[in-house]
Amino acid sequence: MKKKKSNKEEKGLSSKEQVVEIEETSELSEKNLTINKDIKVRLRRIEGQVKGIEKMLEAEAGCKDVLVQIAAIRAAINKVGCLVLQNYTKDKLINEENKITEEKLEELVSSLTMFLK
């Protein structure tokens, strides 16, 4: 029975290179988990800010105070969007050969365009 070669074997990577690649993948996964945790924390904070605005409206707070909070939420949302784009760019844009494909570049431009609208 013929053993099927893995992608790493097909690339001609030595065992040492395969270990390095696995370690790099593991480091990326850990970074992604950290970034995703940061994003979730930020989203929970934004949720709290929105609830705070609801309470301010119920208490008939001043327009300026409400607008300051809305501006803070807008800035926080923009930061979350930037983190998502950073994560996507670092994790998904570059393929296994460390090259940016035309398709991935178009997808990034599309995502940036949508985010900036």
PDB file of N, CA and C in Angstrom:
ATOM      1  N   MET A   1       0.853  -1.178   0.000  1.00  0.00           N
ATOM      2  CA  MET A   1       0.000   0.000   0.000  1.00  0.00           C
ATOM      3  C   MET A   1       0.896   1.237   0.000  1.00  0.00           C
ATOM      4  N   LYS A   2       0.582   2.189  -0.829  1.00  0.00           N
ATOM      5  CA  LYS A   2       1.365   3.408  -0.981  1.00  0.00           C
ATOM      6  C   LYS A   2       0.919   4.441   0.049  1.00  0.00           C
ATOM      7  N   LYS A   3       1.895   5.028   0.742  1.00  0.00           N
ATOM      8  CA  LYS A   3       1.598   6.045   1.747  1.00  0.00           C
ATOM      9  C   LYS A   3       1.450   7.401   1.066  1.00  0.00           C
ATOM     10  N   LYS A   4       0.366   8.091   1.374  1.00  0.00           N
ATOM     11  CA  LYS A   4       0.122   9.408   0.792  1.00  0.00           C
ATOM     12  C   LYS A   4       1.026  10.428   1.466  1.00  0.00           C
ATOM     13  N   LYS A   5       1.672  11.259   0.656  1.00  0.00           N
ATOM     14  CA  LYS A   5       2.560  12.293   1.184  1.00  0.00           C
ATOM     15  C   LYS A   5       1.736  13.449   1.714  1.00  0.00           C
ATOM     16  N   SER A   6       2.208  14.002   2.827  1.00  0.00           N
ATOM     17  CA  SER A   6       1.558  15.193   3.370  1.00  0.00           C
ATOM     18  C   SER A   6       2.009  16.400   2.572  1.00  0.00           C
ATOM     19  N   ASN A   7       1.305  17.525   2.760  1.00  0.00           N
ATOM     20  CA  ASN A   7       1.693  18.764   2.077  1.00  0.00           C
ATOM     21  C   ASN A   7       3.125  19.135   2.414  1.00  0.00           C
ATOM     22  N   LYS A   8       3.518  18.905   3.649  1.00  0.00           N
ATOM     23  CA  LYS A   8       4.865  19.262   4.080  1.00  0.00           C
ATOM     24  C   LYS A   8       5.895  18.391   3.377  1.00  0.00           C
ATOM     25  N   GLU A   9       5.582  17.094   3.234  1.00  0.00           N
ATOM     26  CA  GLU A   9       6.500  16.212   2.532  1.00  0.00           C
ATOM     27  C   GLU A   9       6.587  16.587   1.064  1.00  0.00           C
ATOM     28  N   GLU A  10       5.426  16.953   0.471  1.00  0.00           N
ATOM     29  CA  GLU A  10       5.411  17.351  -0.932  1.00  0.00           C
ATOM     30  C   GLU A  10       6.235  18.603  -1.158  1.00  0.00           C
ATOM     31  N   LYS A  11       6.278  19.485  -0.166  1.00  0.00           N
ATOM     32  CA  LYS A  11       7.064  20.709  -0.279  1.00  0.00           C
ATOM     33  C   LYS A  11       8.545  20.420  -0.134  1.00  0.00           C
ATOM     34  N   GLY A  12       8.884  19.215   0.330  1.00  0.00           N
ATOM     35  CA  GLY A  12      10.273  18.860   0.513  1.00  0.00           C
ATOM     36  C   GLY A  12      10.869  19.410   1.791  1.00  0.00           C
ATOM     37  N   LEU A  13      10.047  19.577   2.825  1.00  0.00           N
ATOM     38  CA  LEU A  13      10.529  20.103   4.097  1.00  0.00           C
ATOM     39  C   LEU A  13      11.171  18.986   4.907  1.00  0.00           C
ATOM     40  N   SER A  14      12.294  19.296   5.550  1.00  0.00           N
ATOM     41  CA  SER A  14      12.933  18.334   6.434  1.00  0.00           C
ATOM     42  C   SER A  14      12.125  18.247   7.726  1.00  0.00           C
ATOM     43  N   SER A  15      12.444  17.268   8.547  1.00  0.00           N
ATOM     44  CA  SER A  15      11.745  17.121   9.827  1.00  0.00           C
ATOM     45  C   SER A  15      11.914  18.366  10.680  1.00  0.00           C
ATOM     46  N   LYS A  16      13.124  18.933  10.684  1.00  0.00           N
ATOM     47  CA  LYS A  16      13.388  20.136  11.470  1.00  0.00           C
ATOM     48  C   LYS A  16      12.550  21.304  10.963  1.00  0.00           C
ATOM     49  N   GLU A  17      12.444  21.451   9.638  1.00  0.00           N
ATOM     50  CA  GLU A  17      11.639  22.532   9.053  1.00  0.00           C
ATOM     51  C   GLU A  17      10.170  22.330   9.375  1.00  0.00           C
ATOM     52  N   GLN A  18       9.714  21.057   9.387  1.00  0.00           N
ATOM     53  CA  GLN A  18       8.328  20.773   9.718  1.00  0.00           C
ATOM     54  C   GLN A  18       8.034  21.168  11.167  1.00  0.00           C
ATOM     55  N   VAL A  19       8.986  20.900  12.073  1.00  0.00           N
ATOM     56  CA  VAL A  19       8.808  21.263  13.483  1.00  0.00           C
ATOM     57  C   VAL A  19       8.719  22.775  13.616  1.00  0.00           C
ATOM     58  N   VAL A  20       9.584  23.498  12.914  1.00  0.00           N
ATOM     59  CA  VAL A  20       9.559  24.959  12.951  1.00  0.00           C
ATOM     60  C   VAL A  20       8.227  25.463  12.430  1.00  0.00           C
ATOM     61  N   GLU A  21       7.726  24.866  11.331  1.00  0.00           N
ATOM     62  CA  GLU A  21       6.448  25.290  10.764  1.00  0.00           C
ATOM     63  C   GLU A  21       5.314  25.033  11.743  1.00  0.00           C
ATOM     64  N   ILE A  22       5.353  23.894  12.430  1.00  0.00           N
ATOM     65  CA  ILE A  22       4.315  23.572  13.424  1.00  0.00           C
ATOM     66  C   ILE A  22       4.378  24.569  14.573  1.00  0.00           C
ATOM     67  N   GLU A  23       5.591  24.899  15.034  1.00  0.00           N
ATOM     68  CA  GLU A  23       5.737  25.874  16.111  1.00  0.00           C
ATOM     69  C   GLU A  23       5.200  27.236  15.692  1.00  0.00           C
ATOM     70  N   GLU A  24       5.489  27.649  14.446  1.00  0.00           N
ATOM     71  CA  GLU A  24       4.986  28.930  13.957  1.00  0.00           C
ATOM     72  C   GLU A  24       3.469  28.920  13.902  1.00  0.00           C
ATOM     73  N   THR A  25       2.886  27.812  13.457  1.00  0.00           N
ATOM     74  CA  THR A  25       1.436  27.682  13.406  1.00  0.00           C
ATOM     75  C   THR A  25       0.848  27.751  14.806  1.00  0.00           C
ATOM     76  N   SER A  26       1.504  27.104  15.760  1.00  0.00           N
ATOM     77  CA  SER A  26       1.051  27.124  17.145  1.00  0.00           C
ATOM     78  C   SER A  26       1.105  28.540  17.708  1.00  0.00           C
ATOM     79  N   GLU A  27       2.190  29.274  17.403  1.00  0.00           N
ATOM     80  CA  GLU A  27       2.314  30.652  17.866  1.00  0.00           C
ATOM     81  C   GLU A  27       1.214  31.518  17.272  1.00  0.00           C
ATOM     82  N   LEU A  28       0.906  31.313  15.976  1.00  0.00           N
ATOM     83  CA  LEU A  28      -0.174  32.076  15.352  1.00  0.00           C
ATOM     84  C   LEU A  28      -1.504  31.775  16.022  1.00  0.00           C
ATOM     85  N   SER A  29      -1.750  30.503  16.334  1.00  0.00           N
ATOM     86  CA  SER A  29      -3.002  30.124  16.993  1.00  0.00           C
ATOM     87  C   SER A  29      -3.117  30.795  18.349  1.00  0.00           C
ATOM     88  N   GLU A  30      -2.018  30.831  19.110  1.00  0.00           N
ATOM     89  CA  GLU A  30      -2.031  31.485  20.415  1.00  0.00           C
ATOM     90  C   GLU A  30      -2.284  32.980  20.266  1.00  0.00           C
ATOM     91  N   LYS A  31      -1.662  33.602  19.270  1.00  0.00           N
ATOM     92  CA  LYS A  31      -1.881  35.026  19.033  1.00  0.00           C
ATOM     93  C   LYS A  31      -3.321  35.281  18.642  1.00  0.00           C
ATOM     94  N   ASN A  32      -3.887  34.412  17.797  1.00  0.00           N
ATOM     95  CA  ASN A  32      -5.281  34.559  17.385  1.00  0.00           C
ATOM     96  C   ASN A  32      -6.210  34.449  18.583  1.00  0.00           C
ATOM     97  N   LEU A  33      -5.925  33.509  19.478  1.00  0.00           N
ATOM     98  CA  LEU A  33      -6.752  33.368  20.680  1.00  0.00           C
ATOM     99  C   LEU A  33      -6.668  34.625  21.536  1.00  0.00           C
ATOM    100  N   THR A  34      -5.476  35.183  21.660  1.00  0.00           N
ATOM    101  CA  THR A  34      -5.294  36.405  22.445  1.00  0.00           C
ATOM    102  C   THR A  34      -6.036  37.565  21.804  1.00  0.00           C
ATOM    103  N   ILE A  35      -5.923  37.691  20.491  1.00  0.00           N
ATOM    104  CA  ILE A  35      -6.615  38.773  19.782  1.00  0.00           C
ATOM    105  C   ILE A  35      -8.124  38.594  19.894  1.00  0.00           C
ATOM    106  N   ASN A  36      -8.603  37.360  19.701  1.00  0.00           N
ATOM    107  CA  ASN A  36     -10.042  37.111  19.803  1.00  0.00           C
ATOM    108  C   ASN A  36     -10.550  37.412  21.208  1.00  0.00           C
ATOM    109  N   LYS A  37      -9.759  37.083  22.226  1.00  0.00           N
ATOM    110  CA  LYS A  37     -10.160  37.388  23.597  1.00  0.00           C
ATOM    111  C   LYS A  37     -10.231  38.901  23.788  1.00  0.00           C
ATOM    112  N   ASP A  38      -9.256  39.613  23.255  1.00  0.00           N
ATOM    113  CA  ASP A  38      -9.242  41.079  23.339  1.00  0.00           C
ATOM    114  C   ASP A  38     -10.473  41.672  22.654  1.00  0.00           C
ATOM    115  N   ILE A  39     -10.818  41.135  21.503  1.00  0.00           N
ATOM    116  CA  ILE A  39     -11.994  41.618  20.770  1.00  0.00           C
ATOM    117  C   ILE A  39     -13.266  41.382  21.587  1.00  0.00           C
ATOM    118  N   LYS A  40     -13.392  40.204  22.170  1.00  0.00           N
ATOM    119  CA  LYS A  40     -14.579  39.899  22.978  1.00  0.00           C
ATOM    120  C   LYS A  40     -14.688  40.825  24.188  1.00  0.00           C
ATOM    121  N   VAL A  41     -13.563  41.086  24.836  1.00  0.00           N
ATOM    122  CA  VAL A  41     -13.565  42.000  25.989  1.00  0.00           C
ATOM    123  C   VAL A  41     -14.014  43.389  25.545  1.00  0.00           C
ATOM    124  N   ARG A  42     -13.484  43.842  24.421  1.00  0.00           N
ATOM    125  CA  ARG A  42     -13.863  45.157  23.907  1.00  0.00           C
ATOM    126  C   ARG A  42     -15.355  45.213  23.565  1.00  0.00           C
ATOM    127  N   LEU A  43     -15.879  44.137  22.972  1.00  0.00           N
ATOM    128  CA  LEU A  43     -17.299  44.111  22.614  1.00  0.00           C
ATOM    129  C   LEU A  43     -18.181  44.135  23.861  1.00  0.00           C
ATOM    130  N   ARG A  44     -17.762  43.439  24.906  1.00  0.00           N
ATOM    131  CA  ARG A  44     -18.533  43.475  26.156  1.00  0.00           C
ATOM    132  C   ARG A  44     -18.519  44.879  26.759  1.00  0.00           C
ATOM    133  N   ARG A  45     -17.372  45.537  26.669  1.00  0.00           N
ATOM    134  CA  ARG A  45     -17.274  46.906  27.179  1.00  0.00           C
ATOM    135  C   ARG A  45     -18.198  47.827  26.381  1.00  0.00           C
ATOM    136  N   ILE A  46     -18.230  47.648  25.063  1.00  0.00           N
ATOM    137  CA  ILE A  46     -19.113  48.453  24.213  1.00  0.00           C
ATOM    138  C   ILE A  46     -20.567  48.190  24.580  1.00  0.00           C
ATOM    139  N   GLU A  47     -20.892  46.930  24.823  1.00  0.00           N
ATOM    140  CA  GLU A  47     -22.252  46.578  25.229  1.00  0.00           C
ATOM    141  C   GLU A  47     -22.630  47.324  26.512  1.00  0.00           C
ATOM    142  N   GLY A  48     -21.699  47.387  27.443  1.00  0.00           N
ATOM    143  CA  GLY A  48     -21.939  48.123  28.682  1.00  0.00           C
ATOM    144  C   GLY A  48     -22.132  49.611  28.429  1.00  0.00           C
ATOM    145  N   GLN A  49     -21.369  50.160  27.487  1.00  0.00           N
ATOM    146  CA  GLN A  49     -21.520  51.576  27.151  1.00  0.00           C
ATOM    147  C   GLN A  49     -22.896  51.853  26.541  1.00  0.00           C
ATOM    148  N   VAL A  50     -23.368  50.940  25.696  1.00  0.00           N
ATOM    149  CA  VAL A  50     -24.692  51.110  25.084  1.00  0.00           C
ATOM    150  C   VAL A  50     -25.771  51.074  26.159  1.00  0.00           C
ATOM    151  N   LYS A  51     -25.658  50.144  27.085  1.00  0.00           N
ATOM    152  CA  LYS A  51     -26.630  50.079  28.195  1.00  0.00           C
ATOM    153  C   LYS A  51     -26.573  51.349  29.034  1.00  0.00           C
ATOM    154  N   GLY A  52     -25.357  51.886  29.189  1.00  0.00           N
ATOM    155  CA  GLY A  52     -25.205  53.140  29.926  1.00  0.00           C
ATOM    156  C   GLY A  52     -25.925  54.285  29.230  1.00  0.00           C
ATOM    157  N   ILE A  53     -25.859  54.326  27.918  1.00  0.00           N
ATOM    158  CA  ILE A  53     -26.571  55.370  27.165  1.00  0.00           C
ATOM    159  C   ILE A  53     -28.077  55.207  27.326  1.00  0.00           C
ATOM    160  N   GLU A  54     -28.561  53.973  27.308  1.00  0.00           N
ATOM    161  CA  GLU A  54     -29.989  53.733  27.518  1.00  0.00           C
ATOM    162  C   GLU A  54     -30.431  54.306  28.869  1.00  0.00           C
ATOM    163  N   LYS A  55     -29.618  54.062  29.902  1.00  0.00           N
ATOM    164  CA  LYS A  55     -29.936  54.584  31.232  1.00  0.00           C
ATOM    165  C   LYS A  55     -29.880  56.114  31.246  1.00  0.00           C
ATOM    166  N   MET A  56     -28.898  56.661  30.520  1.00  0.00           N
ATOM    167  CA  MET A  56     -28.793  58.123  30.440  1.00  0.00           C
ATOM    168  C   MET A  56     -30.045  58.718  29.800  1.00  0.00           C
ATOM    169  N   LEU A  57     -30.540  58.054  28.760  1.00  0.00           N
ATOM    170  CA  LEU A  57     -31.752  58.549  28.088  1.00  0.00           C
ATOM    171  C   LEU A  57     -32.963  58.448  28.996  1.00  0.00           C
ATOM    172  N   GLU A  58     -33.052  57.352  29.734  1.00  0.00           N
ATOM    173  CA  GLU A  58     -34.152  57.203  30.690  1.00  0.00           C
ATOM    174  C   GLU A  58     -34.094  58.284  31.769  1.00  0.00           C
ATOM    175  N   ALA A  59     -32.867  58.657  32.150  1.00  0.00           N
ATOM    176  CA  ALA A  59     -32.697  59.681  33.186  1.00  0.00           C
ATOM    177  C   ALA A  59     -32.699  61.087  32.588  1.00  0.00           C
ATOM    178  N   GLU A  60     -32.960  61.164  31.302  1.00  0.00           N
ATOM    179  CA  GLU A  60     -33.006  62.429  30.573  1.00  0.00           C
ATOM    180  C   GLU A  60     -31.719  63.243  30.744  1.00  0.00           C
ATOM    181  N   ALA A  61     -30.596  62.562  30.519  1.00  0.00           N
ATOM    182  CA  ALA A  61     -29.286  63.224  30.600  1.00  0.00           C
ATOM    183  C   ALA A  61     -29.154  64.224  29.461  1.00  0.00           C
ATOM    184  N   GLY A  62     -28.203  65.106  29.605  1.00  0.00           N
ATOM    185  CA  GLY A  62     -27.988  66.142  28.605  1.00  0.00           C
ATOM    186  C   GLY A  62     -27.509  65.580  27.273  1.00  0.00           C
ATOM    187  N   CYS A  63     -27.877  66.288  26.222  1.00  0.00           N
ATOM    188  CA  CYS A  63     -27.535  65.872  24.864  1.00  0.00           C
ATOM    189  C   CYS A  63     -26.019  65.717  24.701  1.00  0.00           C
ATOM    190  N   LYS A  64     -25.268  66.677  25.214  1.00  0.00           N
ATOM    191  CA  LYS A  64     -23.818  66.647  25.070  1.00  0.00           C
ATOM    192  C   LYS A  64     -23.230  65.395  25.719  1.00  0.00           C
ATOM    193  N   ASP A  65     -23.711  65.045  26.906  1.00  0.00           N
ATOM    194  CA  ASP A  65     -23.206  63.866  27.614  1.00  0.00           C
ATOM    195  C   ASP A  65     -23.489  62.579  26.826  1.00  0.00           C
ATOM    196  N   VAL A  66     -24.687  62.500  26.252  1.00  0.00           N
ATOM    197  CA  VAL A  66     -25.055  61.330  25.455  1.00  0.00           C
ATOM    198  C   VAL A  66     -24.175  61.249  24.209  1.00  0.00           C
ATOM    199  N   LEU A  67     -23.963  62.382  23.552  1.00  0.00           N
ATOM    200  CA  LEU A  67     -23.142  62.397  22.334  1.00  0.00           C
ATOM    201  C   LEU A  67     -21.687  62.034  22.624  1.00  0.00           C
ATOM    202  N   VAL A  68     -21.181  62.425  23.774  1.00  0.00           N
ATOM    203  CA  VAL A  68     -19.818  62.044  24.163  1.00  0.00           C
ATOM    204  C   VAL A  68     -19.716  60.528  24.272  1.00  0.00           C
ATOM    205  N   GLN A  69     -20.736  59.919  24.867  1.00  0.00           N
ATOM    206  CA  GLN A  69     -20.736  58.459  25.002  1.00  0.00           C
ATOM    207  C   GLN A  69     -20.878  57.766  23.643  1.00  0.00           C
ATOM    208  N   ILE A  70     -21.685  58.332  22.766  1.00  0.00           N
ATOM    209  CA  ILE A  70     -21.839  57.769  21.419  1.00  0.00           C
ATOM    210  C   ILE A  70     -20.506  57.846  20.663  1.00  0.00           C
ATOM    211  N   ALA A  71     -19.799  58.965  20.815  1.00  0.00           N
ATOM    212  CA  ALA A  71     -18.486  59.106  20.168  1.00  0.00           C
ATOM    213  C   ALA A  71     -17.506  58.065  20.715  1.00  0.00           C
ATOM    214  N   ALA A  72     -17.576  57.798  22.014  1.00  0.00           N
ATOM    215  CA  ALA A  72     -16.703  56.796  22.625  1.00  0.00           C
ATOM    216  C   ALA A  72     -17.005  55.404  22.071  1.00  0.00           C
ATOM    217  N   ILE A  73     -18.287  55.104  21.893  1.00  0.00           N
ATOM    218  CA  ILE A  73     -18.677  53.808  21.331  1.00  0.00           C
ATOM    219  C   ILE A  73     -18.202  53.694  19.887  1.00  0.00           C
ATOM    220  N   ARG A  74     -18.364  54.765  19.130  1.00  0.00           N
ATOM    221  CA  ARG A  74     -17.923  54.756  17.731  1.00  0.00           C
ATOM    222  C   ARG A  74     -16.413  54.480  17.649  1.00  0.00           C
ATOM    223  N   ALA A  75     -15.636  55.137  18.498  1.00  0.00           N
ATOM    224  CA  ALA A  75     -14.182  54.917  18.513  1.00  0.00           C
ATOM    225  C   ALA A  75     -13.855  53.473  18.903  1.00  0.00           C
ATOM    226  N   ALA A  76     -14.588  52.942  19.868  1.00  0.00           N
ATOM    227  CA  ALA A  76     -14.351  51.568  20.307  1.00  0.00           C
ATOM    228  C   ALA A  76     -14.697  50.567  19.213  1.00  0.00           C
ATOM    229  N   ILE A  77     -15.784  50.795  18.510  1.00  0.00           N
ATOM    230  CA  ILE A  77     -16.179  49.920  17.401  1.00  0.00           C
ATOM    231  C   ILE A  77     -15.127  49.964  16.294  1.00  0.00           C
ATOM    232  N   ASN A  78     -14.624  51.164  15.995  1.00  0.00           N
ATOM    233  CA  ASN A  78     -13.581  51.285  14.972  1.00  0.00           C
ATOM    234  C   ASN A  78     -12.330  50.505  15.374  1.00  0.00           C
ATOM    235  N   LYS A  79     -11.974  50.535  16.649  1.00  0.00           N
ATOM    236  CA  LYS A  79     -10.819  49.788  17.128  1.00  0.00           C
ATOM    237  C   LYS A  79     -11.046  48.293  16.973  1.00  0.00           C
ATOM    238  N   VAL A  80     -12.241  47.816  17.283  1.00  0.00           N
ATOM    239  CA  VAL A  80     -12.563  46.400  17.108  1.00  0.00           C
ATOM    240  C   VAL A  80     -12.446  46.026  15.630  1.00  0.00           C
ATOM    241  N   GLY A  81     -12.972  46.872  14.753  1.00  0.00           N
ATOM    242  CA  GLY A  81     -12.867  46.611  13.317  1.00  0.00           C
ATOM    243  C   GLY A  81     -11.422  46.534  12.867  1.00  0.00           C
ATOM    244  N   CYS A  82     -10.592  47.419  13.383  1.00  0.00           N
ATOM    245  CA  CYS A  82      -9.162  47.398  13.041  1.00  0.00           C
ATOM    246  C   CYS A  82      -8.493  46.118  13.523  1.00  0.00           C
ATOM    247  N   LEU A  83      -8.840  45.675  14.727  1.00  0.00           N
ATOM    248  CA  LEU A  83      -8.270  44.430  15.245  1.00  0.00           C
ATOM    249  C   LEU A  83      -8.687  43.232  14.390  1.00  0.00           C
ATOM    250  N   VAL A  84      -9.944  43.211  13.978  1.00  0.00           N
ATOM    251  CA  VAL A  84     -10.425  42.120  13.123  1.00  0.00           C
ATOM    252  C   VAL A  84      -9.668  42.127  11.799  1.00  0.00           C
ATOM    253  N   LEU A  85      -9.495  43.301  11.211  1.00  0.00           N
ATOM    254  CA  LEU A  85      -8.758  43.396   9.948  1.00  0.00           C
ATOM    255  C   LEU A  85      -7.288  43.014  10.118  1.00  0.00           C
ATOM    256  N   GLN A  86      -6.675  43.434  11.215  1.00  0.00           N
ATOM    257  CA  GLN A  86      -5.285  43.055  11.478  1.00  0.00           C
ATOM    258  C   GLN A  86      -5.158  41.541  11.585  1.00  0.00           C
ATOM    259  N   ASN A  87      -6.050  40.953  12.348  1.00  0.00           N
ATOM    260  CA  ASN A  87      -6.039  39.510  12.542  1.00  0.00           C
ATOM    261  C   ASN A  87      -6.209  38.789  11.210  1.00  0.00           C
ATOM    262  N   TYR A  88      -7.171  39.241  10.411  1.00  0.00           N
ATOM    263  CA  TYR A  88      -7.419  38.633   9.110  1.00  0.00           C
ATOM    264  C   TYR A  88      -6.186  38.760   8.217  1.00  0.00           C
ATOM    265  N   THR A  89      -5.615  39.939   8.186  1.00  0.00           N
ATOM    266  CA  THR A  89      -4.476  40.190   7.307  1.00  0.00           C
ATOM    267  C   THR A  89      -3.296  39.311   7.680  1.00  0.00           C
ATOM    268  N   LYS A  90      -2.985  39.243   8.956  1.00  0.00           N
ATOM    269  CA  LYS A  90      -1.842  38.447   9.398  1.00  0.00           C
ATOM    270  C   LYS A  90      -2.083  36.956   9.247  1.00  0.00           C
ATOM    271  N   ASP A  91      -3.313  36.533   9.462  1.00  0.00           N
ATOM    272  CA  ASP A  91      -3.617  35.112   9.510  1.00  0.00           C
ATOM    273  C   ASP A  91      -4.009  34.528   8.151  1.00  0.00           C
ATOM    274  N   LYS A  92      -4.758  35.264   7.369  1.00  0.00           N
ATOM    275  CA  LYS A  92      -5.353  34.686   6.175  1.00  0.00           C
ATOM    276  C   LYS A  92      -4.788  35.196   4.849  1.00  0.00           C
ATOM    277  N   LEU A  93      -4.212  36.373   4.848  1.00  0.00           N
ATOM    278  CA  LEU A  93      -3.808  36.990   3.592  1.00  0.00           C
ATOM    279  C   LEU A  93      -2.648  36.265   2.926  1.00  0.00           C
ATOM    280  N   ILE A  94      -1.672  35.872   3.693  1.00  0.00           N
ATOM    281  CA  ILE A  94      -0.483  35.245   3.123  1.00  0.00           C
ATOM    282  C   ILE A  94      -0.703  33.736   3.087  1.00  0.00           C
ATOM    283  N   ASN A  95      -0.467  33.139   1.918  1.00  0.00           N
ATOM    284  CA  ASN A  95      -0.685  31.703   1.772  1.00  0.00           C
ATOM    285  C   ASN A  95       0.506  30.916   2.310  1.00  0.00           C
ATOM    286  N   GLU A  96       0.481  29.600   2.147  1.00  0.00           N
ATOM    287  CA  GLU A  96       1.513  28.733   2.711  1.00  0.00           C
ATOM    288  C   GLU A  96       2.909  29.040   2.164  1.00  0.00           C
ATOM    289  N   GLU A  97       2.998  29.553   0.976  1.00  0.00           N
ATOM    290  CA  GLU A  97       4.299  29.877   0.382  1.00  0.00           C
ATOM    291  C   GLU A  97       4.718  31.308   0.705  1.00  0.00           C
ATOM    292  N   ASN A  98       4.033  31.943   1.660  1.00  0.00           N
ATOM    293  CA  ASN A  98       4.311  33.328   2.047  1.00  0.00           C
ATOM    294  C   ASN A  98       4.164  34.290   0.874  1.00  0.00           C
ATOM    295  N   LYS A  99       3.194  34.019   0.037  1.00  0.00           N
ATOM    296  CA  LYS A  99       2.904  34.910  -1.084  1.00  0.00           C
ATOM    297  C   LYS A  99       1.458  35.382  -0.980  1.00  0.00           C
ATOM    298  N   ILE A 100       1.246  36.618  -1.376  1.00  0.00           N
ATOM    299  CA  ILE A 100      -0.103  37.169  -1.381  1.00  0.00           C
ATOM    300  C   ILE A 100      -0.720  36.858  -2.735  1.00  0.00           C
ATOM    301  N   THR A 101      -1.863  36.178  -2.717  1.00  0.00           N
ATOM    302  CA  THR A 101      -2.519  35.855  -3.979  1.00  0.00           C
ATOM    303  C   THR A 101      -3.430  37.005  -4.385  1.00  0.00           C
ATOM    304  N   GLU A 102      -3.702  37.083  -5.666  1.00  0.00           N
ATOM    305  CA  GLU A 102      -4.579  38.129  -6.200  1.00  0.00           C
ATOM    306  C   GLU A 102      -5.959  38.032  -5.558  1.00  0.00           C
ATOM    307  N   GLU A 103      -6.444  36.803  -5.393  1.00  0.00           N
ATOM    308  CA  GLU A 103      -7.770  36.581  -4.798  1.00  0.00           C
ATOM    309  C   GLU A 103      -7.831  37.099  -3.364  1.00  0.00           C
ATOM    310  N   LYS A 104      -6.806  36.798  -2.573  1.00  0.00           N
ATOM    311  CA  LYS A 104      -6.764  37.246  -1.181  1.00  0.00           C
ATOM    312  C   LYS A 104      -6.655  38.767  -1.101  1.00  0.00           C
ATOM    313  N   LEU A 105      -5.892  39.354  -2.008  1.00  0.00           N
ATOM    314  CA  LEU A 105      -5.747  40.806  -2.030  1.00  0.00           C
ATOM    315  C   LEU A 105      -7.086  41.471  -2.348  1.00  0.00           C
ATOM    316  N   GLU A 106      -7.804  40.928  -3.320  1.00  0.00           N
ATOM    317  CA  GLU A 106      -9.127  41.467  -3.667  1.00  0.00           C
ATOM    318  C   GLU A 106     -10.093  41.328  -2.495  1.00  0.00           C
ATOM    319  N   GLU A 107     -10.010  40.205  -1.786  1.00  0.00           N
ATOM    320  CA  GLU A 107     -10.873  39.987  -0.625  1.00  0.00           C
ATOM    321  C   GLU A 107     -10.559  41.002   0.480  1.00  0.00           C
ATOM    322  N   LEU A 108      -9.276  41.299   0.679  1.00  0.00           N
ATOM    323  CA  LEU A 108      -8.875  42.288   1.671  1.00  0.00           C
ATOM    324  C   LEU A 108      -9.381  43.675   1.291  1.00  0.00           C
ATOM    325  N   VAL A 109      -9.213  44.050   0.036  1.00  0.00           N
ATOM    326  CA  VAL A 109      -9.678  45.364  -0.429  1.00  0.00           C
ATOM    327  C   VAL A 109     -11.189  45.470  -0.252  1.00  0.00           C
ATOM    328  N   SER A 110     -11.904  44.416  -0.562  1.00  0.00           N
ATOM    329  CA  SER A 110     -13.360  44.393  -0.397  1.00  0.00           C
ATOM    330  C   SER A 110     -13.737  44.572   1.080  1.00  0.00           C
ATOM    331  N   SER A 111     -13.026  43.870   1.953  1.00  0.00           N
ATOM    332  CA  SER A 111     -13.298  43.983   3.388  1.00  0.00           C
ATOM    333  C   SER A 111     -12.999  45.382   3.901  1.00  0.00           C
ATOM    334  N   LEU A 112     -11.893  45.965   3.462  1.00  0.00           N
ATOM    335  CA  LEU A 112     -11.545  47.322   3.873  1.00  0.00           C
ATOM    336  C   LEU A 112     -12.583  48.324   3.378  1.00  0.00           C
ATOM    337  N   THR A 113     -13.014  48.160   2.143  1.00  0.00           N
ATOM    338  CA  THR A 113     -14.013  49.058   1.564  1.00  0.00           C
ATOM    339  C   THR A 113     -15.310  48.991   2.359  1.00  0.00           C
ATOM    340  N   MET A 114     -15.725  47.775   2.697  1.00  0.00           N
ATOM    341  CA  MET A 114     -16.958  47.612   3.468  1.00  0.00           C
ATOM    342  C   MET A 114     -16.812  48.238   4.860  1.00  0.00           C
ATOM    343  N   PHE A 115     -15.650  48.045   5.484  1.00  0.00           N
ATOM    344  CA  PHE A 115     -15.431  48.577   6.826  1.00  0.00           C
ATOM    345  C   PHE A 115     -15.411  50.111   6.831  1.00  0.00           C
ATOM    346  N   LEU A 116     -14.873  50.692   5.789  1.00  0.00           N
ATOM    347  CA  LEU A 116     -14.730  52.156   5.752  1.00  0.00           C
ATOM    348  C   LEU A 116     -15.987  52.904   5.314  1.00  0.00           C
ATOM    349  N   LYS A 117     -17.011  52.184   4.881  1.00  0.00           N
ATOM    350  CA  LYS A 117     -18.251  52.850   4.451  1.00  0.00           C
ATOM    351  C   LYS A 117     -18.963  53.460   5.624  1.00  0.00           C
TER     352      LYS A 117
END
